[in-house]
Amino acid sequence: MAVPTGPVTASTDAERAMFDFVDAYDRAYETAALEQGLSVAQACVLGRLTREIGMRELADELGCDASNITQIISRLEARDLVRRRPHPNDRRSRQIVRTDEGIALYAAFEKSFAFARSAVANLTAHEQDQLVTLLRKALDGTREPNR
């Protein structure tokens, strides 16, 4: 996964700390995915399949092109981790659902991706509450309308 390992320009300690955290998170996510024989994209898609969902809706949720989702789903389907089902109301459309194998593999991925749990364990309950408040406050100014 091609993610910058630091800010483009030297800036505040807060920005550097955020980049360091995101970089460590991304590396841990990639490692956990590889341990399960998944790409980062495949792990991400499997994680989103908590309910039956259409290809277009899945692409919209992930903010990517539908053709990318089609390729990822095809690879997951070849491994019997997901299944395409006919949409109940639209014969032209397919719903995607995890198979039992996909559910088990994603559970193993979640267990091996312990980065967030480990990071939070370093904080007191009060610090965790503060972190949640601060992260939500920081994110409020970055959200796109209607997203």
N, C-alpha and C. Protein backbone atom coordinates (compact mmCIF):
# COMPACT_ATOMS: atom_id res chain seq x y z
N MET A 1 0.85 -1.16 0.00
CA MET A 1 0.00 0.00 0.00
C MET A 1 0.90 1.23 0.00
N ALA A 2 0.72 2.10 -0.95
CA ALA A 2 1.58 3.28 -1.09
C ALA A 2 1.02 4.44 -0.28
N VAL A 3 1.46 4.54 0.95
CA VAL A 3 1.03 5.63 1.82
C VAL A 3 2.27 6.38 2.25
N PRO A 4 2.23 7.71 2.24
CA PRO A 4 3.42 8.45 2.68
C PRO A 4 3.79 8.10 4.11
N THR A 5 5.09 8.09 4.38
CA THR A 5 5.54 7.76 5.73
C THR A 5 5.72 9.00 6.58
N GLY A 6 5.37 10.13 6.08
CA GLY A 6 5.47 11.36 6.85
C GLY A 6 4.88 12.51 6.08
N PRO A 7 4.76 13.64 6.74
CA PRO A 7 4.18 14.79 6.06
C PRO A 7 5.05 15.23 4.89
N VAL A 8 4.43 15.82 3.89
CA VAL A 8 5.15 16.32 2.73
C VAL A 8 6.11 17.41 3.16
N THR A 9 5.69 18.24 4.07
CA THR A 9 6.55 19.30 4.58
C THR A 9 6.61 19.19 6.10
N ALA A 10 7.73 19.60 6.66
CA ALA A 10 7.84 19.61 8.12
C ALA A 10 6.79 20.56 8.67
N SER A 11 6.05 20.08 9.65
CA SER A 11 4.97 20.90 10.20
C SER A 11 4.90 20.71 11.71
N THR A 12 3.73 20.71 12.25
CA THR A 12 3.58 20.66 13.70
C THR A 12 3.84 19.26 14.25
N ASP A 13 4.12 19.20 15.54
CA ASP A 13 4.28 17.91 16.21
C ASP A 13 3.01 17.08 16.09
N ALA A 14 1.86 17.72 16.19
CA ALA A 14 0.58 16.99 16.08
C ALA A 14 0.44 16.34 14.72
N GLU A 15 0.78 17.08 13.66
CA GLU A 15 0.68 16.50 12.31
C GLU A 15 1.67 15.36 12.13
N ARG A 16 2.89 15.52 12.63
CA ARG A 16 3.89 14.44 12.52
C ARG A 16 3.42 13.21 13.31
N ALA A 17 2.87 13.42 14.49
CA ALA A 17 2.38 12.29 15.29
C ALA A 17 1.23 11.58 14.58
N MET A 18 0.35 12.34 13.94
CA MET A 18 -0.75 11.72 13.19
C MET A 18 -0.21 10.89 12.03
N PHE A 19 0.76 11.43 11.29
CA PHE A 19 1.37 10.67 10.20
C PHE A 19 2.03 9.41 10.73
N ASP A 20 2.77 9.52 11.83
CA ASP A 20 3.43 8.35 12.41
C ASP A 20 2.42 7.28 12.79
N PHE A 21 1.30 7.71 13.41
CA PHE A 21 0.27 6.77 13.83
C PHE A 21 -0.37 6.09 12.62
N VAL A 22 -0.74 6.88 11.62
CA VAL A 22 -1.38 6.33 10.42
C VAL A 22 -0.43 5.38 9.70
N ASP A 23 0.84 5.75 9.62
CA ASP A 23 1.83 4.89 8.97
C ASP A 23 1.95 3.56 9.70
N ALA A 24 2.05 3.60 11.02
CA ALA A 24 2.15 2.36 11.81
C ALA A 24 0.88 1.53 11.66
N TYR A 25 -0.28 2.18 11.67
CA TYR A 25 -1.56 1.50 11.50
C TYR A 25 -1.61 0.80 10.15
N ASP A 26 -1.24 1.52 9.10
CA ASP A 26 -1.27 0.94 7.75
C ASP A 26 -0.33 -0.24 7.62
N ARG A 27 0.88 -0.12 8.18
CA ARG A 27 1.83 -1.24 8.11
C ARG A 27 1.30 -2.46 8.86
N ALA A 28 0.69 -2.24 10.02
CA ALA A 28 0.13 -3.35 10.80
C ALA A 28 -1.05 -3.99 10.07
N TYR A 29 -1.87 -3.17 9.41
CA TYR A 29 -3.03 -3.68 8.65
C TYR A 29 -2.53 -4.54 7.49
N GLU A 30 -1.51 -4.04 6.79
CA GLU A 30 -0.96 -4.79 5.66
C GLU A 30 -0.35 -6.11 6.13
N THR A 31 0.37 -6.09 7.23
CA THR A 31 0.97 -7.30 7.76
C THR A 31 -0.10 -8.33 8.14
N ALA A 32 -1.15 -7.88 8.81
CA ALA A 32 -2.24 -8.79 9.19
C ALA A 32 -2.92 -9.36 7.96
N ALA A 33 -3.12 -8.54 6.93
CA ALA A 33 -3.74 -9.03 5.70
C ALA A 33 -2.86 -10.10 5.05
N LEU A 34 -1.56 -9.81 4.94
CA LEU A 34 -0.64 -10.77 4.31
C LEU A 34 -0.58 -12.08 5.09
N GLU A 35 -0.66 -11.99 6.42
CA GLU A 35 -0.66 -13.21 7.24
C GLU A 35 -1.84 -14.12 6.90
N GLN A 36 -2.92 -13.53 6.42
CA GLN A 36 -4.11 -14.30 6.06
C GLN A 36 -4.19 -14.57 4.55
N GLY A 37 -3.14 -14.19 3.83
CA GLY A 37 -3.12 -14.42 2.38
C GLY A 37 -4.00 -13.45 1.61
N LEU A 38 -4.22 -12.28 2.18
CA LEU A 38 -5.07 -11.26 1.56
C LEU A 38 -4.25 -10.04 1.17
N SER A 39 -4.71 -9.34 0.16
CA SER A 39 -4.17 -8.01 -0.10
C SER A 39 -4.88 -7.04 0.85
N VAL A 40 -4.34 -5.85 0.98
CA VAL A 40 -4.99 -4.83 1.81
C VAL A 40 -6.39 -4.56 1.29
N ALA A 41 -6.53 -4.45 -0.03
CA ALA A 41 -7.84 -4.18 -0.63
C ALA A 41 -8.83 -5.31 -0.35
N GLN A 42 -8.37 -6.55 -0.44
CA GLN A 42 -9.25 -7.68 -0.16
C GLN A 42 -9.70 -7.69 1.29
N ALA A 43 -8.79 -7.42 2.21
CA ALA A 43 -9.15 -7.36 3.63
C ALA A 43 -10.16 -6.25 3.87
N CYS A 44 -9.94 -5.12 3.24
CA CYS A 44 -10.85 -3.98 3.39
C CYS A 44 -12.25 -4.34 2.88
N VAL A 45 -12.33 -4.96 1.71
CA VAL A 45 -13.63 -5.34 1.15
C VAL A 45 -14.30 -6.39 2.03
N LEU A 46 -13.57 -7.40 2.45
CA LEU A 46 -14.17 -8.42 3.33
C LEU A 46 -14.73 -7.79 4.60
N GLY A 47 -14.03 -6.79 5.11
CA GLY A 47 -14.50 -6.11 6.32
C GLY A 47 -15.79 -5.34 6.11
N ARG A 48 -16.02 -4.87 4.91
CA ARG A 48 -17.25 -4.12 4.61
C ARG A 48 -18.45 -5.01 4.37
N LEU A 49 -18.22 -6.29 4.16
CA LEU A 49 -19.31 -7.20 3.82
C LEU A 49 -19.97 -7.78 5.07
N THR A 50 -20.48 -6.91 5.90
CA THR A 50 -21.18 -7.34 7.11
C THR A 50 -22.66 -7.60 6.82
N ARG A 51 -23.09 -7.26 5.62
CA ARG A 51 -24.46 -7.49 5.17
C ARG A 51 -24.40 -7.65 3.66
N GLU A 52 -25.47 -8.17 3.08
CA GLU A 52 -25.52 -8.23 1.61
C GLU A 52 -25.51 -6.82 1.07
N ILE A 53 -24.70 -6.60 0.05
CA ILE A 53 -24.55 -5.26 -0.49
C ILE A 53 -24.29 -5.37 -2.00
N GLY A 54 -24.79 -4.41 -2.73
CA GLY A 54 -24.56 -4.37 -4.17
C GLY A 54 -23.18 -3.86 -4.49
N MET A 55 -22.71 -4.21 -5.68
CA MET A 55 -21.37 -3.80 -6.12
C MET A 55 -21.24 -2.27 -6.14
N ARG A 56 -22.24 -1.59 -6.69
CA ARG A 56 -22.19 -0.12 -6.79
C ARG A 56 -22.16 0.50 -5.40
N GLU A 57 -23.01 0.01 -4.50
CA GLU A 57 -23.04 0.55 -3.14
C GLU A 57 -21.70 0.32 -2.43
N LEU A 58 -21.11 -0.85 -2.63
CA LEU A 58 -19.82 -1.16 -2.03
C LEU A 58 -18.74 -0.22 -2.57
N ALA A 59 -18.74 -0.01 -3.87
CA ALA A 59 -17.78 0.92 -4.48
C ALA A 59 -17.96 2.33 -3.93
N ASP A 60 -19.20 2.76 -3.79
CA ASP A 60 -19.48 4.09 -3.25
C ASP A 60 -19.00 4.21 -1.80
N GLU A 61 -19.26 3.17 -0.99
CA GLU A 61 -18.83 3.20 0.42
C GLU A 61 -17.32 3.30 0.53
N LEU A 62 -16.61 2.62 -0.37
CA LEU A 62 -15.16 2.61 -0.31
C LEU A 62 -14.53 3.75 -1.10
N GLY A 63 -15.38 4.49 -1.82
CA GLY A 63 -14.87 5.63 -2.58
C GLY A 63 -13.94 5.23 -3.71
N CYS A 64 -14.27 4.13 -4.38
CA CYS A 64 -13.41 3.70 -5.48
C CYS A 64 -14.25 3.33 -6.70
N ASP A 65 -13.58 3.08 -7.78
CA ASP A 65 -14.22 2.76 -9.04
C ASP A 65 -14.86 1.36 -8.97
N ALA A 66 -16.02 1.21 -9.58
CA ALA A 66 -16.72 -0.07 -9.56
C ALA A 66 -15.90 -1.18 -10.21
N SER A 67 -15.09 -0.85 -11.22
CA SER A 67 -14.27 -1.89 -11.87
C SER A 67 -13.24 -2.46 -10.91
N ASN A 68 -12.72 -1.64 -10.00
CA ASN A 68 -11.79 -2.14 -8.98
C ASN A 68 -12.49 -3.13 -8.06
N ILE A 69 -13.70 -2.79 -7.65
CA ILE A 69 -14.46 -3.68 -6.77
C ILE A 69 -14.75 -5.00 -7.49
N THR A 70 -15.09 -4.92 -8.76
CA THR A 70 -15.37 -6.13 -9.54
C THR A 70 -14.16 -7.06 -9.54
N GLN A 71 -12.98 -6.51 -9.74
CA GLN A 71 -11.76 -7.33 -9.73
C GLN A 71 -11.50 -7.95 -8.36
N ILE A 72 -11.65 -7.15 -7.32
CA ILE A 72 -11.42 -7.66 -5.96
C ILE A 72 -12.42 -8.76 -5.63
N ILE A 73 -13.69 -8.51 -5.94
CA ILE A 73 -14.73 -9.51 -5.67
C ILE A 73 -14.46 -10.79 -6.46
N SER A 74 -14.03 -10.67 -7.71
CA SER A 74 -13.72 -11.86 -8.52
C SER A 74 -12.62 -12.69 -7.88
N ARG A 75 -11.60 -12.02 -7.36
CA ARG A 75 -10.51 -12.75 -6.70
C ARG A 75 -10.98 -13.41 -5.41
N LEU A 76 -11.78 -12.70 -4.64
CA LEU A 76 -12.32 -13.28 -3.40
C LEU A 76 -13.27 -14.43 -3.71
N GLU A 77 -14.05 -14.29 -4.76
CA GLU A 77 -14.99 -15.34 -5.16
C GLU A 77 -14.24 -16.59 -5.62
N ALA A 78 -13.13 -16.41 -6.32
CA ALA A 78 -12.32 -17.55 -6.77
C ALA A 78 -11.78 -18.35 -5.59
N ARG A 79 -11.62 -17.69 -4.46
CA ARG A 79 -11.14 -18.36 -3.24
C ARG A 79 -12.29 -18.82 -2.35
N ASP A 80 -13.52 -18.69 -2.84
CA ASP A 80 -14.74 -19.07 -2.11
C ASP A 80 -14.90 -18.30 -0.80
N LEU A 81 -14.47 -17.01 -0.82
CA LEU A 81 -14.61 -16.16 0.37
C LEU A 81 -15.85 -15.28 0.29
N VAL A 82 -16.36 -15.07 -0.90
CA VAL A 82 -17.59 -14.32 -1.12
C VAL A 82 -18.41 -15.01 -2.20
N ARG A 83 -19.67 -14.63 -2.25
CA ARG A 83 -20.59 -15.16 -3.26
C ARG A 83 -21.43 -14.02 -3.79
N ARG A 84 -21.72 -14.08 -5.08
CA ARG A 84 -22.64 -13.12 -5.69
C ARG A 84 -24.01 -13.78 -5.74
N ARG A 85 -25.01 -13.03 -5.28
CA ARG A 85 -26.39 -13.52 -5.31
C ARG A 85 -27.23 -12.57 -6.15
N PRO A 86 -28.25 -13.10 -6.80
CA PRO A 86 -29.15 -12.19 -7.52
C PRO A 86 -29.82 -11.23 -6.55
N HIS A 87 -29.95 -9.99 -6.98
CA HIS A 87 -30.67 -9.00 -6.17
C HIS A 87 -32.13 -9.40 -6.14
N PRO A 88 -32.78 -9.34 -4.98
CA PRO A 88 -34.18 -9.81 -4.90
C PRO A 88 -35.16 -8.97 -5.74
N ASN A 89 -34.82 -7.71 -6.02
CA ASN A 89 -35.75 -6.84 -6.74
C ASN A 89 -35.26 -6.40 -8.11
N ASP A 90 -34.04 -6.76 -8.47
CA ASP A 90 -33.46 -6.30 -9.74
C ASP A 90 -32.63 -7.42 -10.34
N ARG A 91 -33.17 -8.06 -11.38
CA ARG A 91 -32.50 -9.21 -11.98
C ARG A 91 -31.14 -8.86 -12.58
N ARG A 92 -30.92 -7.61 -12.93
CA ARG A 92 -29.65 -7.19 -13.54
C ARG A 92 -28.55 -7.00 -12.51
N SER A 93 -28.89 -6.96 -11.28
CA SER A 93 -27.96 -6.59 -10.22
C SER A 93 -27.62 -7.79 -9.35
N ARG A 94 -26.42 -7.75 -8.74
CA ARG A 94 -25.97 -8.82 -7.84
C ARG A 94 -25.66 -8.24 -6.47
N GLN A 95 -25.94 -9.02 -5.46
CA GLN A 95 -25.57 -8.69 -4.08
C GLN A 95 -24.36 -9.55 -3.72
N ILE A 96 -23.48 -8.98 -2.92
CA ILE A 96 -22.28 -9.70 -2.49
C ILE A 96 -22.44 -10.06 -1.02
N VAL A 97 -22.05 -11.27 -0.68
CA VAL A 97 -22.12 -11.74 0.71
C VAL A 97 -20.90 -12.61 0.99
N ARG A 98 -20.40 -12.54 2.22
CA ARG A 98 -19.30 -13.41 2.62
C ARG A 98 -19.81 -14.84 2.76
N THR A 99 -18.98 -15.80 2.40
CA THR A 99 -19.26 -17.20 2.65
C THR A 99 -18.81 -17.53 4.08
N ASP A 100 -19.09 -18.74 4.52
CA ASP A 100 -18.59 -19.17 5.84
C ASP A 100 -17.07 -19.09 5.89
N GLU A 101 -16.42 -19.46 4.77
CA GLU A 101 -14.96 -19.38 4.70
C GLU A 101 -14.50 -17.92 4.80
N GLY A 102 -15.22 -17.02 4.15
CA GLY A 102 -14.90 -15.60 4.21
C GLY A 102 -15.08 -15.03 5.60
N ILE A 103 -16.13 -15.47 6.28
CA ILE A 103 -16.37 -15.03 7.66
C ILE A 103 -15.24 -15.49 8.56
N ALA A 104 -14.84 -16.76 8.42
CA ALA A 104 -13.77 -17.31 9.26
C ALA A 104 -12.43 -16.63 8.97
N LEU A 105 -12.14 -16.41 7.70
CA LEU A 105 -10.87 -15.76 7.36
C LEU A 105 -10.83 -14.33 7.87
N TYR A 106 -11.95 -13.62 7.74
CA TYR A 106 -11.94 -12.24 8.23
C TYR A 106 -11.83 -12.20 9.76
N ALA A 107 -12.42 -13.15 10.44
CA ALA A 107 -12.28 -13.22 11.90
C ALA A 107 -10.81 -13.45 12.27
N ALA A 108 -10.12 -14.29 11.52
CA ALA A 108 -8.69 -14.52 11.77
C ALA A 108 -7.90 -13.25 11.49
N PHE A 109 -8.27 -12.52 10.44
CA PHE A 109 -7.61 -11.25 10.14
C PHE A 109 -7.79 -10.27 11.30
N GLU A 110 -9.04 -10.13 11.76
CA GLU A 110 -9.31 -9.19 12.86
C GLU A 110 -8.53 -9.56 14.11
N LYS A 111 -8.41 -10.84 14.37
CA LYS A 111 -7.66 -11.28 15.55
C LYS A 111 -6.18 -10.93 15.41
N SER A 112 -5.63 -11.08 14.21
CA SER A 112 -4.21 -10.80 14.01
C SER A 112 -3.91 -9.31 13.87
N PHE A 113 -4.95 -8.51 13.56
CA PHE A 113 -4.75 -7.06 13.45
C PHE A 113 -5.05 -6.44 14.81
N ALA A 114 -4.05 -6.46 15.66
CA ALA A 114 -4.23 -6.01 17.04
C ALA A 114 -3.70 -4.60 17.28
N PHE A 115 -3.29 -3.90 16.23
CA PHE A 115 -2.65 -2.60 16.40
C PHE A 115 -3.48 -1.64 17.23
N ALA A 116 -4.73 -1.42 16.84
CA ALA A 116 -5.57 -0.45 17.55
C ALA A 116 -5.80 -0.88 19.00
N ARG A 117 -6.06 -2.17 19.21
CA ARG A 117 -6.27 -2.66 20.57
C ARG A 117 -5.02 -2.45 21.42
N SER A 118 -3.85 -2.73 20.85
CA SER A 118 -2.60 -2.56 21.57
C SER A 118 -2.33 -1.08 21.87
N ALA A 119 -2.58 -0.23 20.88
CA ALA A 119 -2.35 1.20 21.08
C ALA A 119 -3.25 1.76 22.16
N VAL A 120 -4.51 1.39 22.14
CA VAL A 120 -5.47 1.89 23.12
C VAL A 120 -5.15 1.35 24.51
N ALA A 121 -4.61 0.14 24.58
CA ALA A 121 -4.28 -0.45 25.87
C ALA A 121 -3.20 0.34 26.60
N ASN A 122 -2.44 1.16 25.88
CA ASN A 122 -1.41 2.00 26.51
C ASN A 122 -2.00 3.23 27.20
N LEU A 123 -3.28 3.46 27.02
CA LEU A 123 -3.94 4.66 27.55
C LEU A 123 -4.86 4.29 28.71
N THR A 124 -4.99 5.21 29.66
CA THR A 124 -5.97 5.03 30.73
C THR A 124 -7.36 5.21 30.14
N ALA A 125 -8.38 4.84 30.90
CA ALA A 125 -9.76 5.02 30.44
C ALA A 125 -10.04 6.50 30.15
N HIS A 126 -9.55 7.38 31.01
CA HIS A 126 -9.75 8.82 30.81
C HIS A 126 -9.04 9.29 29.53
N GLU A 127 -7.81 8.81 29.30
CA GLU A 127 -7.09 9.18 28.08
C GLU A 127 -7.79 8.65 26.84
N GLN A 128 -8.36 7.46 26.94
CA GLN A 128 -9.12 6.92 25.81
C GLN A 128 -10.31 7.80 25.49
N ASP A 129 -11.03 8.24 26.51
CA ASP A 129 -12.17 9.16 26.30
C ASP A 129 -11.70 10.45 25.64
N GLN A 130 -10.58 10.99 26.12
CA GLN A 130 -10.04 12.22 25.55
C GLN A 130 -9.65 12.01 24.09
N LEU A 131 -9.02 10.88 23.80
CA LEU A 131 -8.61 10.59 22.43
C LEU A 131 -9.81 10.52 21.50
N VAL A 132 -10.85 9.84 21.92
CA VAL A 132 -12.07 9.74 21.11
C VAL A 132 -12.63 11.14 20.84
N THR A 133 -12.72 11.94 21.87
CA THR A 133 -13.25 13.31 21.72
C THR A 133 -12.39 14.12 20.76
N LEU A 134 -11.08 14.06 20.92
CA LEU A 134 -10.18 14.84 20.08
C LEU A 134 -10.18 14.35 18.62
N LEU A 135 -10.19 13.04 18.43
CA LEU A 135 -10.22 12.53 17.06
C LEU A 135 -11.52 12.91 16.35
N ARG A 136 -12.63 12.78 17.05
CA ARG A 136 -13.91 13.17 16.43
C ARG A 136 -13.94 14.66 16.11
N LYS A 137 -13.40 15.46 17.01
CA LYS A 137 -13.35 16.90 16.78
C LYS A 137 -12.46 17.21 15.56
N ALA A 138 -11.31 16.56 15.48
CA ALA A 138 -10.40 16.78 14.35
C ALA A 138 -11.05 16.34 13.04
N LEU A 139 -11.78 15.23 13.06
CA LEU A 139 -12.42 14.73 11.84
C LEU A 139 -13.60 15.58 11.39
N ASP A 140 -14.28 16.22 12.33
CA ASP A 140 -15.46 17.03 11.96
C ASP A 140 -15.14 18.07 10.91
N GLY A 141 -13.97 18.66 10.95
CA GLY A 141 -13.61 19.69 9.99
C GLY A 141 -13.14 19.15 8.66
N THR A 142 -12.98 17.82 8.54
CA THR A 142 -12.45 17.25 7.31
C THR A 142 -13.48 16.50 6.49
N ARG A 143 -14.67 16.34 7.01
CA ARG A 143 -15.68 15.52 6.31
C ARG A 143 -16.26 16.26 5.13
N GLU A 144 -16.45 15.49 4.08
CA GLU A 144 -17.10 16.04 2.89
C GLU A 144 -18.60 16.07 3.13
N PRO A 145 -19.28 17.05 2.60
CA PRO A 145 -20.75 17.09 2.72
C PRO A 145 -21.35 15.83 2.10
N ASN A 146 -22.43 15.33 2.72
CA ASN A 146 -23.16 14.16 2.22
C ASN A 146 -22.34 12.88 2.23
N ARG A 147 -21.40 12.76 3.10
CA ARG A 147 -20.63 11.53 3.15
C ARG A 147 -20.69 10.91 4.51
